[in-house]
N, C-alpha and C. Protein backbone atom coordinates (compact mmCIF):
# COMPACT_ATOMS: atom_id res chain seq x y z
N UNK A 1 -25.73 -11.41 33.45
CA UNK A 1 -24.68 -12.21 33.61
C UNK A 1 -23.37 -11.19 34.11
N UNK A 2 -22.79 -11.69 35.19
CA UNK A 2 -21.60 -10.53 35.94
C UNK A 2 -20.36 -11.10 35.25
N UNK A 3 -19.61 -10.04 34.82
CA UNK A 3 -18.56 -10.37 33.96
C UNK A 3 -17.33 -10.30 34.95
N UNK A 4 -16.35 -11.18 35.39
CA UNK A 4 -15.40 -11.24 36.31
C UNK A 4 -14.19 -10.43 35.76
N UNK A 5 -14.06 -10.64 34.33
CA UNK A 5 -12.89 -9.57 33.58
C UNK A 5 -13.37 -8.24 34.38
N UNK A 6 -14.56 -7.46 33.89
CA UNK A 6 -14.96 -6.31 33.82
C UNK A 6 -14.82 -5.71 35.39
N UNK A 7 -14.90 -6.62 36.41
CA UNK A 7 -14.73 -6.19 37.93
C UNK A 7 -13.32 -6.33 37.94
N UNK A 8 -12.43 -7.13 37.42
CA UNK A 8 -11.38 -7.19 37.81
C UNK A 8 -10.63 -5.77 37.11
N UNK A 9 -11.01 -5.23 36.10
CA UNK A 9 -10.31 -4.34 35.25
C UNK A 9 -10.49 -3.06 36.43
N UNK A 10 -11.77 -3.16 37.24
CA UNK A 10 -11.94 -1.92 38.12
C UNK A 10 -11.13 -2.15 39.26
N UNK A 11 -11.28 -3.44 39.94
CA UNK A 11 -10.02 -3.57 41.07
C UNK A 11 -8.60 -3.19 40.64
N UNK A 12 -8.14 -3.56 39.39
CA UNK A 12 -6.88 -3.14 38.77
C UNK A 12 -7.01 -1.49 39.02
N UNK A 13 -7.93 -0.66 38.44
CA UNK A 13 -7.76 0.44 38.68
C UNK A 13 -7.98 1.22 39.73
N UNK A 14 -8.68 0.71 40.71
CA UNK A 14 -9.01 1.16 42.07
C UNK A 14 -7.49 0.85 42.74
N UNK A 15 -7.02 -0.26 42.43
CA UNK A 15 -5.65 -0.62 43.19
C UNK A 15 -4.46 0.44 42.60
N UNK A 16 -4.72 0.93 41.49
CA UNK A 16 -3.14 1.51 40.98
C UNK A 16 -2.83 2.62 41.75
N UNK A 17 -3.51 3.47 42.47
CA UNK A 17 -2.81 4.24 43.65
C UNK A 17 -3.19 4.39 44.78
N UNK A 18 -3.78 3.15 45.34
CA UNK A 18 -4.27 3.38 47.16
C UNK A 18 -3.52 1.90 47.60
N UNK A 19 -3.78 1.99 49.05
CA UNK A 19 -3.21 1.04 49.82
C UNK A 19 -3.16 1.14 51.01
N UNK A 20 -2.71 0.22 51.88
CA UNK A 20 -2.89 0.17 53.54
C UNK A 20 -1.75 1.17 54.43
N UNK A 21 -2.33 1.70 55.15
CA UNK A 21 -1.21 2.42 56.08
C UNK A 21 -0.37 1.45 56.34
N UNK A 22 0.60 1.32 56.25
CA UNK A 22 1.60 0.10 56.37
C UNK A 22 1.94 -0.08 58.12
N UNK A 23 2.21 -1.15 58.71
CA UNK A 23 2.72 -1.23 59.57
C UNK A 23 4.53 -0.99 59.85
N UNK A 24 4.69 0.22 59.71
CA UNK A 24 6.39 0.38 59.51
C UNK A 24 7.15 -0.31 60.45
N UNK A 25 8.23 -0.73 60.09
CA UNK A 25 9.47 -1.26 61.13
C UNK A 25 9.99 -0.46 61.53
N UNK A 26 11.06 -0.81 62.49
CA UNK A 26 11.60 0.17 63.30
C UNK A 26 12.89 1.00 62.27
N UNK A 27 13.07 0.35 61.05
CA UNK A 27 14.18 1.18 59.96
C UNK A 27 13.15 1.95 59.23
N UNK A 28 12.08 2.28 59.25
CA UNK A 28 11.12 2.96 58.04
C UNK A 28 11.31 4.55 58.70
N UNK A 29 11.11 5.33 57.43
CA UNK A 29 10.86 6.92 57.73
C UNK A 29 9.62 7.18 57.35
N UNK A 30 8.26 7.04 58.05
CA UNK A 30 7.16 7.43 57.81
C UNK A 30 7.12 8.96 56.93
N UNK A 31 6.22 9.34 56.32
CA UNK A 31 5.71 10.50 56.06
C UNK A 31 4.54 10.88 56.81
N UNK A 32 3.89 12.09 56.71
CA UNK A 32 2.77 12.15 57.27
C UNK A 32 1.31 11.49 56.93
N UNK A 33 1.62 10.29 57.33
CA UNK A 33 0.48 9.44 57.05
C UNK A 33 -0.91 9.66 57.84
N UNK A 34 -2.13 9.40 56.90
CA UNK A 34 -3.37 9.51 57.31
C UNK A 34 -3.38 8.49 58.57
N UNK A 35 -4.35 9.18 59.73
CA UNK A 35 -4.86 8.37 60.60
C UNK A 35 -5.15 6.95 60.54
N UNK A 36 -4.98 6.04 61.03
CA UNK A 36 -5.15 4.87 60.73
C UNK A 36 -7.00 4.85 60.70
N UNK A 37 -6.97 3.97 59.47
CA UNK A 37 -8.43 3.85 58.83
C UNK A 37 -8.85 2.44 59.40
N UNK A 38 -10.20 2.62 59.86
CA UNK A 38 -11.02 1.51 60.40
C UNK A 38 -11.88 1.15 59.38
N UNK A 39 -11.97 0.15 58.74
CA UNK A 39 -12.83 -0.41 57.64
C UNK A 39 -14.23 -0.94 58.06
N UNK A 40 -13.98 -1.36 59.59
CA UNK A 40 -15.30 -1.87 60.22
C UNK A 40 -16.37 -0.86 60.39
N UNK A 41 -16.02 0.38 60.32
CA UNK A 41 -17.15 1.89 60.70
C UNK A 41 -16.75 2.66 59.67
N UNK A 42 -16.33 1.92 58.39
CA UNK A 42 -16.46 3.03 57.16
C UNK A 42 -18.06 2.86 56.30
N UNK A 43 -18.47 1.52 56.26
CA UNK A 43 -19.73 1.45 55.43
C UNK A 43 -20.71 1.44 56.31
N UNK A 44 -22.20 2.18 56.06
CA UNK A 44 -23.32 2.44 56.66
C UNK A 44 -23.92 1.01 57.06
N UNK A 45 -24.76 1.10 57.88
CA UNK A 45 -25.30 -0.34 58.27
C UNK A 45 -26.32 -0.57 56.83
N UNK A 46 -26.27 -1.96 57.17
CA UNK A 46 -27.32 -2.40 55.94
C UNK A 46 -26.39 -2.69 54.62
N UNK A 47 -25.08 -2.21 54.82
CA UNK A 47 -24.24 -2.51 53.47
C UNK A 47 -23.09 -3.77 53.98
N UNK A 48 -22.81 -4.39 52.96
CA UNK A 48 -21.86 -5.38 53.42
C UNK A 48 -20.18 -4.55 52.99
N UNK A 49 -19.41 -4.96 54.02
CA UNK A 49 -18.22 -4.60 53.95
C UNK A 49 -17.05 -5.47 53.26
N UNK A 50 -16.12 -5.43 52.28
CA UNK A 50 -15.24 -6.12 51.55
C UNK A 50 -14.30 -5.51 51.74
N UNK A 51 -13.22 -6.11 52.34
CA UNK A 51 -12.04 -5.37 52.33
C UNK A 51 -10.89 -6.55 52.10
N UNK A 52 -9.72 -5.74 51.25
CA UNK A 52 -8.57 -6.74 51.07
C UNK A 52 -7.12 -6.07 51.55
N UNK A 53 -6.52 -6.13 52.39
CA UNK A 53 -5.03 -5.71 52.68
C UNK A 53 -3.85 -6.57 52.25
N UNK A 54 -3.09 -5.76 51.82
CA UNK A 54 -1.81 -6.78 51.11
C UNK A 54 -0.50 -5.83 51.10
N UNK A 55 0.65 -6.49 51.47
CA UNK A 55 1.84 -5.82 51.64
C UNK A 55 3.14 -6.72 51.03
N UNK A 56 4.05 -5.99 50.21
CA UNK A 56 5.12 -6.87 49.86
C UNK A 56 6.63 -5.92 50.00
N UNK A 57 7.47 -6.79 50.44
CA UNK A 57 8.98 -6.08 50.54
C UNK A 57 9.75 -6.38 49.02
N UNK A 58 10.07 -5.15 48.29
CA UNK A 58 10.53 -5.20 47.09
C UNK A 58 12.12 -4.81 47.48
N UNK A 59 12.94 -5.82 46.67
CA UNK A 59 14.49 -5.77 46.86
C UNK A 59 14.90 -6.23 45.77
N UNK A 60 16.10 -5.49 45.07
CA UNK A 60 16.62 -4.05 45.49
C UNK A 60 15.93 -2.97 45.05
N UNK A 61 14.97 -2.77 45.22
CA UNK A 61 14.06 -1.43 44.69
C UNK A 61 14.08 -0.74 45.80
N UNK A 62 14.48 0.66 45.55
CA UNK A 62 14.68 1.55 46.93
C UNK A 62 13.02 2.41 46.70
N UNK A 63 12.86 3.08 47.82
CA UNK A 63 11.79 3.51 47.88
C UNK A 63 11.42 4.93 46.79
N UNK A 64 12.44 5.33 46.21
CA UNK A 64 12.51 6.34 45.48
C UNK A 64 12.17 5.66 43.67
N UNK A 65 12.78 4.76 43.78
CA UNK A 65 12.48 3.89 42.51
C UNK A 65 10.94 3.65 42.05
N UNK A 66 10.50 2.92 43.38
CA UNK A 66 9.01 2.92 43.34
C UNK A 66 8.02 3.98 42.93
N UNK A 67 8.46 4.69 43.71
CA UNK A 67 7.86 6.27 43.96
C UNK A 67 7.70 6.86 42.56
N UNK A 68 8.80 6.71 41.43
CA UNK A 68 8.78 7.58 40.22
C UNK A 68 7.77 6.67 39.66
N UNK A 69 7.55 5.57 39.64
CA UNK A 69 6.36 4.79 39.07
C UNK A 69 5.01 5.16 39.64
N UNK A 70 4.87 4.97 40.54
CA UNK A 70 3.61 5.36 41.13
C UNK A 70 3.07 6.55 41.93
N UNK A 71 3.94 7.38 41.71
CA UNK A 71 3.80 8.29 42.77
C UNK A 71 2.86 9.38 42.01
N UNK A 72 2.43 9.58 40.97
CA UNK A 72 1.45 10.56 40.32
C UNK A 72 -0.02 10.09 40.39
N UNK A 73 -1.03 10.66 40.79
CA UNK A 73 -2.35 10.17 40.93
C UNK A 73 -3.15 9.89 39.65
N UNK A 74 -2.73 10.92 38.76
CA UNK A 74 -3.06 10.90 37.26
C UNK A 74 -2.31 10.14 36.43
N UNK A 75 -1.17 9.57 36.78
CA UNK A 75 -0.33 8.61 35.84
C UNK A 75 -0.54 6.98 36.51
N UNK A 76 -1.62 6.19 35.83
CA UNK A 76 -1.36 4.82 36.30
C UNK A 76 -1.21 4.03 35.00
N UNK A 77 -0.41 4.60 34.08
CA UNK A 77 0.10 3.67 32.95
C UNK A 77 0.85 2.39 33.30
N UNK A 78 1.26 2.58 34.60
CA UNK A 78 2.24 1.08 35.00
C UNK A 78 1.55 0.15 35.12
N UNK A 79 0.27 0.43 35.42
CA UNK A 79 -0.87 -0.71 35.80
C UNK A 79 -1.99 -1.18 35.00
N UNK A 80 -1.89 -0.21 33.92
CA UNK A 80 -2.90 -0.34 32.80
C UNK A 80 -4.40 -0.08 32.50
N UNK A 81 -5.15 0.39 33.47
CA UNK A 81 -6.52 1.19 33.09
C UNK A 81 -6.15 2.44 32.56
N UNK A 82 -7.00 2.86 31.73
CA UNK A 82 -7.01 4.27 31.11
C UNK A 82 -7.48 4.93 31.95
N UNK A 83 -7.10 6.66 31.85
CA UNK A 83 -7.79 7.57 32.68
C UNK A 83 -8.25 8.33 31.51
N UNK A 84 -9.72 8.30 31.40
CA UNK A 84 -10.24 9.19 30.53
C UNK A 84 -10.41 10.58 30.62
N UNK A 85 -10.46 11.12 31.88
CA UNK A 85 -10.50 12.79 32.17
C UNK A 85 -9.82 12.85 33.69
N UNK A 86 -9.67 14.23 33.89
CA UNK A 86 -9.27 14.46 35.03
C UNK A 86 -9.68 15.88 35.41
N UNK A 87 -9.89 16.24 36.85
CA UNK A 87 -9.99 17.61 37.15
C UNK A 87 -9.40 18.02 38.53
N UNK A 88 -8.79 19.08 38.35
CA UNK A 88 -7.73 19.51 39.59
C UNK A 88 -6.43 19.24 39.20
N UNK A 89 -5.53 19.67 40.38
CA UNK A 89 -4.29 19.49 40.31
C UNK A 89 -3.64 17.89 40.76
N UNK A 90 -2.83 17.62 39.96
CA UNK A 90 -2.38 16.15 40.23
C UNK A 90 -1.66 16.32 41.56
N UNK A 91 -1.86 15.25 42.38
CA UNK A 91 -1.52 14.98 43.64
C UNK A 91 -1.80 15.85 44.71
N UNK A 92 -2.99 16.73 44.43
CA UNK A 92 -3.37 17.55 45.58
C UNK A 92 -4.75 17.14 45.98
N UNK A 93 -5.08 17.02 47.00
CA UNK A 93 -6.46 16.61 47.69
C UNK A 93 -7.45 17.57 46.97
N UNK A 94 -8.35 16.58 46.31
CA UNK A 94 -9.70 17.27 45.39
C UNK A 94 -9.25 16.80 43.98
N UNK A 95 -7.91 16.34 43.56
CA UNK A 95 -8.08 16.02 42.31
C UNK A 95 -8.83 14.88 41.95
N UNK A 96 -9.40 14.69 40.93
CA UNK A 96 -10.44 13.87 40.50
C UNK A 96 -9.88 12.78 39.18
N UNK A 97 -10.22 11.59 39.08
CA UNK A 97 -9.77 11.18 37.74
C UNK A 97 -10.89 9.92 37.45
N UNK A 98 -11.43 9.99 36.09
CA UNK A 98 -12.50 9.06 35.69
C UNK A 98 -11.37 7.93 34.95
N UNK A 99 -11.46 6.64 35.58
CA UNK A 99 -10.60 5.72 35.10
C UNK A 99 -11.84 4.80 34.23
N UNK A 100 -11.39 4.01 32.94
CA UNK A 100 -11.83 3.01 32.44
C UNK A 100 -12.05 2.03 32.99
N UNK A 101 -13.16 1.35 33.50
CA UNK A 101 -13.46 0.20 34.10
C UNK A 101 -14.07 -0.94 33.25
N UNK A 102 -14.54 -0.77 31.95
CA UNK A 102 -15.23 -1.98 31.15
C UNK A 102 -15.99 -2.68 31.70
N UNK A 103 -17.44 -2.35 31.54
CA UNK A 103 -17.91 -1.50 30.78
C UNK A 103 -18.36 -0.24 31.51
N UNK A 104 -17.86 0.06 32.72
CA UNK A 104 -18.39 1.27 33.75
C UNK A 104 -17.11 2.03 33.51
N UNK A 105 -17.35 3.15 34.09
CA UNK A 105 -16.12 4.33 34.25
C UNK A 105 -16.36 4.57 35.73
N UNK A 106 -15.05 4.42 36.41
CA UNK A 106 -14.84 4.72 37.98
C UNK A 106 -14.40 6.27 37.98
N UNK A 107 -15.37 6.98 38.84
CA UNK A 107 -14.65 8.16 39.27
C UNK A 107 -14.12 8.32 40.70
N UNK A 108 -13.06 9.09 40.77
CA UNK A 108 -12.06 8.77 42.15
C UNK A 108 -11.51 9.83 42.20
N UNK A 109 -11.86 10.06 43.69
CA UNK A 109 -10.98 11.69 44.20
C UNK A 109 -9.82 11.16 45.28
N UNK A 110 -9.00 12.14 45.16
CA UNK A 110 -7.81 11.93 46.13
C UNK A 110 -8.32 12.95 47.14
N UNK A 111 -7.91 12.14 48.48
CA UNK A 111 -8.24 12.89 49.60
C UNK A 111 -7.07 12.93 50.54
N UNK A 112 -5.93 12.36 50.18
CA UNK A 112 -4.85 12.49 51.31
C UNK A 112 -3.56 12.29 50.36
N UNK A 113 -2.79 13.06 50.38
CA UNK A 113 -1.25 12.55 49.64
C UNK A 113 -0.16 12.83 50.56
N UNK A 114 0.67 12.03 50.63
CA UNK A 114 1.96 12.73 51.81
C UNK A 114 3.31 11.95 50.97
N UNK A 115 4.18 12.72 51.36
CA UNK A 115 5.55 12.27 50.75
C UNK A 115 6.76 13.07 51.61
N UNK A 116 7.59 11.96 51.62
CA UNK A 116 8.84 12.61 52.48
C UNK A 116 9.69 12.54 51.49
N UNK A 117 10.48 13.61 51.10
CA UNK A 117 11.37 13.92 50.15
C UNK A 117 12.65 13.33 50.31
N UNK A 118 13.04 12.89 51.63
CA UNK A 118 14.36 12.49 52.04
C UNK A 118 14.35 10.98 52.09
N UNK A 119 13.20 10.44 52.52
CA UNK A 119 13.27 8.86 52.67
C UNK A 119 12.37 8.25 51.33
N UNK A 120 11.34 9.17 50.81
CA UNK A 120 10.31 8.75 49.73
C UNK A 120 9.44 7.85 50.60
N UNK A 121 9.27 7.57 51.84
CA UNK A 121 7.84 7.12 52.25
C UNK A 121 6.89 7.93 51.68
N UNK A 122 5.88 7.25 51.37
CA UNK A 122 4.75 7.97 50.38
C UNK A 122 3.33 7.23 50.79
N UNK A 123 2.37 8.26 50.53
CA UNK A 123 1.14 7.51 50.73
C UNK A 123 0.14 8.43 49.78
N UNK A 124 -0.71 7.56 49.11
CA UNK A 124 -1.79 8.35 48.61
C UNK A 124 -3.41 7.70 49.13
N UNK A 125 -4.37 8.46 49.23
CA UNK A 125 -5.52 8.06 49.94
C UNK A 125 -6.83 8.42 49.13
N UNK A 126 -7.46 7.54 48.38
CA UNK A 126 -8.71 8.14 47.55
C UNK A 126 -9.80 7.16 47.74
N UNK A 127 -10.90 7.94 47.52
CA UNK A 127 -12.49 7.35 47.78
C UNK A 127 -13.19 7.45 46.44
N UNK A 128 -14.00 6.67 46.03
CA UNK A 128 -14.69 6.72 45.11
C UNK A 128 -16.02 7.96 45.09
N UNK A 129 -16.11 8.53 43.92
CA UNK A 129 -16.95 9.87 44.14
C UNK A 129 -18.48 9.60 43.91
N UNK A 130 -18.51 8.45 43.31
CA UNK A 130 -20.08 7.87 42.81
C UNK A 130 -20.30 6.41 42.83
N UNK A 131 -21.53 5.92 42.94
CA UNK A 131 -21.69 4.56 43.09
C UNK A 131 -21.37 4.04 41.83
N UNK A 132 -21.06 2.80 41.68
CA UNK A 132 -20.61 2.01 40.68
C UNK A 132 -21.70 0.68 40.59
N UNK A 133 -22.40 0.35 39.28
CA UNK A 133 -23.34 -0.79 39.65
C UNK A 133 -22.30 -2.14 38.95
N UNK A 134 -22.04 -3.09 39.82
CA UNK A 134 -21.15 -3.79 39.40
C UNK A 134 -21.88 -5.18 38.89
N UNK A 135 -23.29 -5.42 39.06
CA UNK A 135 -24.21 -6.35 38.42
C UNK A 135 -25.45 -5.77 38.84
N UNK A 136 -26.25 -6.39 38.05
CA UNK A 136 -27.72 -5.99 38.28
C UNK A 136 -28.25 -6.49 39.70
N UNK A 137 -28.65 -5.22 40.35
CA UNK A 137 -29.02 -5.61 41.71
C UNK A 137 -27.70 -5.78 43.12
N UNK A 138 -26.54 -5.31 42.61
CA UNK A 138 -25.24 -5.52 43.33
C UNK A 138 -24.63 -4.07 43.18
N UNK A 139 -24.44 -3.21 44.03
CA UNK A 139 -23.65 -1.77 43.48
C UNK A 139 -22.48 -1.70 44.59
N UNK A 140 -21.59 -0.98 44.02
CA UNK A 140 -20.43 -0.57 44.88
C UNK A 140 -20.88 1.14 45.15
N UNK A 141 -21.32 1.19 46.41
CA UNK A 141 -21.53 2.37 46.98
C UNK A 141 -20.61 3.08 47.17
N UNK A 142 -19.35 2.68 47.79
CA UNK A 142 -18.34 3.48 48.13
C UNK A 142 -17.01 2.54 48.12
N UNK A 143 -16.06 3.33 48.40
CA UNK A 143 -14.74 2.53 48.39
C UNK A 143 -13.80 3.43 49.00
N UNK A 144 -13.02 2.90 49.78
CA UNK A 144 -11.75 3.48 50.26
C UNK A 144 -10.44 2.82 49.96
N UNK A 145 -9.37 3.65 49.23
CA UNK A 145 -8.35 2.90 48.83
C UNK A 145 -7.04 3.47 49.32
N UNK A 146 -5.95 2.94 49.67
CA UNK A 146 -4.93 3.70 49.90
C UNK A 146 -3.54 2.86 49.48
N UNK A 147 -2.47 3.46 48.92
CA UNK A 147 -1.11 2.87 48.35
C UNK A 147 -0.22 3.66 49.61
N UNK A 148 0.99 2.63 49.86
CA UNK A 148 1.88 3.29 50.80
C UNK A 148 3.06 2.70 50.51
N UNK A 149 4.24 3.45 50.42
CA UNK A 149 5.48 2.98 50.41
C UNK A 149 6.32 3.34 51.70
N UNK A 150 6.92 2.05 52.20
CA UNK A 150 7.52 2.51 53.60
C UNK A 150 8.95 2.00 53.22
N UNK A 151 9.98 2.55 53.56
CA UNK A 151 11.45 2.22 53.29
C UNK A 151 11.67 1.19 54.32
N UNK A 152 12.48 0.01 53.90
CA UNK A 152 12.94 -1.10 54.97
C UNK A 152 14.47 -0.80 54.64
N UNK A 153 14.87 -1.49 55.78
CA UNK A 153 16.14 -1.88 55.63
C UNK A 153 17.38 -0.75 55.58
N UNK A 154 17.09 0.52 56.11
CA UNK A 154 17.77 1.61 55.80
C UNK A 154 17.95 1.97 54.50
N UNK A 155 16.73 2.01 53.82
CA UNK A 155 16.30 2.41 52.34
C UNK A 155 16.60 1.77 51.26
N UNK A 156 17.48 0.53 51.61
CA UNK A 156 17.81 -0.76 50.35
C UNK A 156 16.62 -1.36 49.64
N UNK A 157 15.61 -1.22 50.72
CA UNK A 157 14.54 -2.19 49.97
C UNK A 157 13.20 -1.28 50.49
N UNK A 158 12.41 -1.71 49.98
CA UNK A 158 10.86 -0.67 50.44
C UNK A 158 9.79 -1.49 50.37
N UNK A 159 8.78 -1.21 51.46
CA UNK A 159 7.51 -2.12 51.50
C UNK A 159 6.29 -1.35 50.83
N UNK A 160 6.05 -1.85 49.86
CA UNK A 160 4.74 -1.43 49.27
C UNK A 160 3.33 -2.40 49.27
N UNK A 161 2.27 -1.67 50.26
CA UNK A 161 1.35 -2.42 50.23
C UNK A 161 -0.12 -1.57 49.76
N UNK A 162 -1.22 -2.03 50.16
CA UNK A 162 -2.67 -1.38 49.92
C UNK A 162 -3.37 -2.07 50.54
N UNK A 163 -4.67 -1.25 50.61
CA UNK A 163 -5.81 -1.68 51.28
C UNK A 163 -7.16 -1.10 50.44
N UNK A 164 -7.90 -1.94 50.10
CA UNK A 164 -9.06 -1.50 49.22
C UNK A 164 -10.34 -2.02 50.06
N UNK A 165 -11.44 -1.13 50.37
CA UNK A 165 -12.48 -1.23 51.18
C UNK A 165 -13.61 -1.29 50.38
N UNK A 166 -14.61 -1.95 49.99
CA UNK A 166 -15.90 -1.90 49.30
C UNK A 166 -16.82 -1.68 50.48
N UNK A 167 -17.92 -0.96 49.95
CA UNK A 167 -19.33 -0.91 50.80
C UNK A 167 -20.11 -1.09 49.41
N UNK A 168 -20.70 -2.38 49.71
CA UNK A 168 -21.94 -3.17 48.73
C UNK A 168 -22.92 -3.31 49.21
N UNK A 169 -24.05 -2.91 48.34
CA UNK A 169 -25.43 -3.18 48.66
C UNK A 169 -26.11 -4.01 47.60
N UNK A 170 -27.12 -4.94 47.94
CA UNK A 170 -27.77 -5.73 47.01
C UNK A 170 -27.20 -6.92 47.46
N UNK A 171 -27.34 -8.15 46.61
CA UNK A 171 -27.03 -9.43 46.59
C UNK A 171 -25.88 -9.60 45.36
N UNK A 172 -24.96 -10.24 45.83
CA UNK A 172 -23.90 -10.57 44.85
C UNK A 172 -24.35 -11.79 43.80
N UNK A 173 -23.88 -11.68 42.60
CA UNK A 173 -24.18 -12.62 41.78
C UNK A 173 -23.84 -13.94 42.35
N UNK A 174 -24.36 -15.19 42.14
CA UNK A 174 -23.92 -16.44 42.40
C UNK A 174 -22.52 -16.97 41.98
N UNK A 175 -22.08 -16.27 40.81
CA UNK A 175 -20.64 -16.67 40.26
C UNK A 175 -19.72 -15.38 40.44
N UNK A 176 -19.92 -14.59 41.47
CA UNK A 176 -18.78 -13.73 41.93
C UNK A 176 -18.47 -14.02 43.34
N UNK A 177 -17.17 -14.13 43.40
CA UNK A 177 -16.28 -14.50 44.39
C UNK A 177 -15.49 -13.02 44.80
N UNK A 178 -16.27 -12.16 45.37
CA UNK A 178 -15.64 -10.96 45.13
C UNK A 178 -14.07 -10.77 45.82
N UNK A 179 -13.77 -11.40 47.19
CA UNK A 179 -12.73 -11.21 47.71
C UNK A 179 -11.47 -12.24 46.64
N UNK A 180 -12.02 -13.10 45.85
CA UNK A 180 -10.82 -13.62 45.00
C UNK A 180 -10.57 -12.73 43.98
N UNK A 181 -11.70 -11.90 43.56
CA UNK A 181 -11.80 -11.01 42.27
C UNK A 181 -10.76 -10.02 42.71
N UNK A 182 -10.76 -9.56 44.22
CA UNK A 182 -10.04 -8.43 44.44
C UNK A 182 -8.58 -8.94 44.41
N UNK A 183 -8.54 -10.27 45.25
CA UNK A 183 -6.93 -10.79 45.35
C UNK A 183 -6.22 -11.13 43.94
N UNK A 184 -7.05 -11.27 42.82
CA UNK A 184 -6.39 -11.34 41.47
C UNK A 184 -6.06 -10.32 41.05
N UNK A 185 -6.96 -9.47 40.82
CA UNK A 185 -6.57 -7.89 40.29
C UNK A 185 -5.59 -7.50 41.50
N UNK A 186 -5.33 -7.52 42.32
CA UNK A 186 -4.34 -6.87 43.34
C UNK A 186 -2.96 -7.68 42.78
N UNK A 187 -2.85 -8.77 42.71
CA UNK A 187 -1.68 -9.74 42.31
C UNK A 187 -0.94 -9.50 41.06
N UNK A 188 -2.22 -9.47 40.03
CA UNK A 188 -1.68 -8.93 38.84
C UNK A 188 -0.96 -7.44 38.70
N UNK A 189 -1.60 -6.61 39.44
CA UNK A 189 -0.99 -5.35 39.89
C UNK A 189 0.54 -5.28 40.32
N UNK A 190 0.61 -6.29 41.47
CA UNK A 190 1.91 -6.22 42.18
C UNK A 190 2.70 -6.81 41.31
N UNK A 191 2.30 -7.97 40.41
CA UNK A 191 3.39 -8.35 39.79
C UNK A 191 3.85 -7.64 38.52
N UNK A 192 2.73 -6.74 37.97
CA UNK A 192 3.58 -5.98 37.09
C UNK A 192 4.40 -4.66 37.68
N UNK A 193 3.99 -4.54 38.77
CA UNK A 193 4.95 -3.57 39.21
C UNK A 193 6.36 -4.11 39.55
N UNK A 194 6.53 -5.08 39.79
CA UNK A 194 7.72 -6.01 40.20
C UNK A 194 8.51 -6.17 38.80
N UNK A 195 7.77 -6.27 38.18
CA UNK A 195 8.46 -6.54 36.72
C UNK A 195 9.01 -5.65 36.13
N UNK A 196 8.38 -4.30 36.22
CA UNK A 196 9.05 -3.16 35.94
C UNK A 196 10.19 -3.01 36.59
N UNK A 197 10.20 -3.14 37.76
CA UNK A 197 11.53 -2.78 38.85
C UNK A 197 12.64 -4.04 38.63
N UNK A 198 12.34 -5.14 37.61
CA UNK A 198 13.06 -5.96 37.70
C UNK A 198 13.48 -6.66 39.05
N UNK A 199 12.33 -6.85 39.63
CA UNK A 199 12.27 -7.63 40.73
C UNK A 199 12.03 -9.46 40.56
N UNK A 200 12.83 -10.17 41.05
CA UNK A 200 12.84 -11.64 40.71
C UNK A 200 11.90 -12.24 41.74
N UNK A 201 12.14 -12.01 43.18
CA UNK A 201 10.89 -12.44 43.95
C UNK A 201 10.93 -11.23 44.84
N UNK A 202 9.44 -11.25 45.31
CA UNK A 202 9.62 -9.98 46.28
C UNK A 202 9.34 -11.10 47.84
N UNK A 203 9.49 -10.31 48.68
CA UNK A 203 9.48 -10.76 49.97
C UNK A 203 8.54 -10.39 50.90
N UNK A 204 7.88 -11.46 51.75
CA UNK A 204 6.78 -10.96 52.99
C UNK A 204 7.23 -9.99 53.72
N UNK A 205 6.02 -9.38 54.01
CA UNK A 205 6.18 -8.02 54.77
C UNK A 205 6.70 -8.40 56.06
N UNK A 206 6.81 -9.26 56.67
CA UNK A 206 7.23 -10.08 57.70
C UNK A 206 8.60 -10.25 57.88
N UNK A 207 9.33 -10.41 56.86
CA UNK A 207 10.71 -10.68 56.65
C UNK A 207 11.60 -9.76 57.21
N UNK A 208 12.68 -10.27 57.84
CA UNK A 208 13.84 -9.38 58.55
C UNK A 208 14.73 -8.88 57.34
N UNK A 209 15.22 -7.76 57.70
CA UNK A 209 16.43 -7.62 56.96
C UNK A 209 17.44 -8.16 56.50
N UNK A 210 17.71 -9.31 57.28
CA UNK A 210 18.99 -10.40 57.20
C UNK A 210 18.31 -11.31 56.20
N UNK A 211 17.14 -11.62 56.06
CA UNK A 211 16.37 -12.41 54.90
C UNK A 211 16.32 -11.69 53.47
N UNK A 212 15.84 -10.57 53.76
CA UNK A 212 15.92 -9.64 52.51
C UNK A 212 17.18 -9.38 51.67
N UNK A 213 18.22 -8.97 52.45
CA UNK A 213 19.38 -8.21 52.06
C UNK A 213 20.37 -9.41 51.72
N UNK A 214 19.99 -10.97 51.89
CA UNK A 214 21.21 -11.77 51.78
C UNK A 214 21.27 -11.91 50.34
N UNK A 215 22.45 -12.54 49.88
CA UNK A 215 22.67 -12.91 48.48
C UNK A 215 21.76 -13.73 47.94
N UNK A 216 21.31 -13.56 46.60
CA UNK A 216 20.36 -14.36 46.09
C UNK A 216 21.03 -15.38 45.07
N UNK A 217 20.67 -16.71 45.18
CA UNK A 217 21.53 -17.80 44.69
C UNK A 217 20.72 -17.66 43.03
């Protein structure tokens, strides 16, 4: 029997420090972000591509405040999954972490890290280093995950987003709705982040600065 709770914990672990290269607005100050990732060409033929992008604007949380919580590859205490072991230098490409996924352990390697120390635009990209059996006959062969922080509204707000792409082989169990599990795990992660930042209501990434900065009733 497939455990939705177990896979949701993996999604939360994967999400903890990865996300989409965001489409920054004209008021953003991007760091040296990774070249645009194309999920449609990531998975080999014969594997199923499952991808989920999301982005929210957080106000009044500036980019530095968010970076101080999510900026270290080896620290994901803000989201919950336990890191069992690490190898290499934190925040340096090649750093590897082993995260508790209950009942499995996820091995993940940092492949890209960028930080603009003036604007705190930030990006982390990681990929799984080993395959993970999600359920009998259904295997996550690889994944590509990105977390990004982009300043909005002259740094008074910040856009925080992610993309996770899974390459799956085999047949999914009948009781597994993978996109919904990804969405649920990501939503929980975002909610915990904005709780830590004391954000009452996040904004959609398409919101204008006039909408974001208006006084809240």
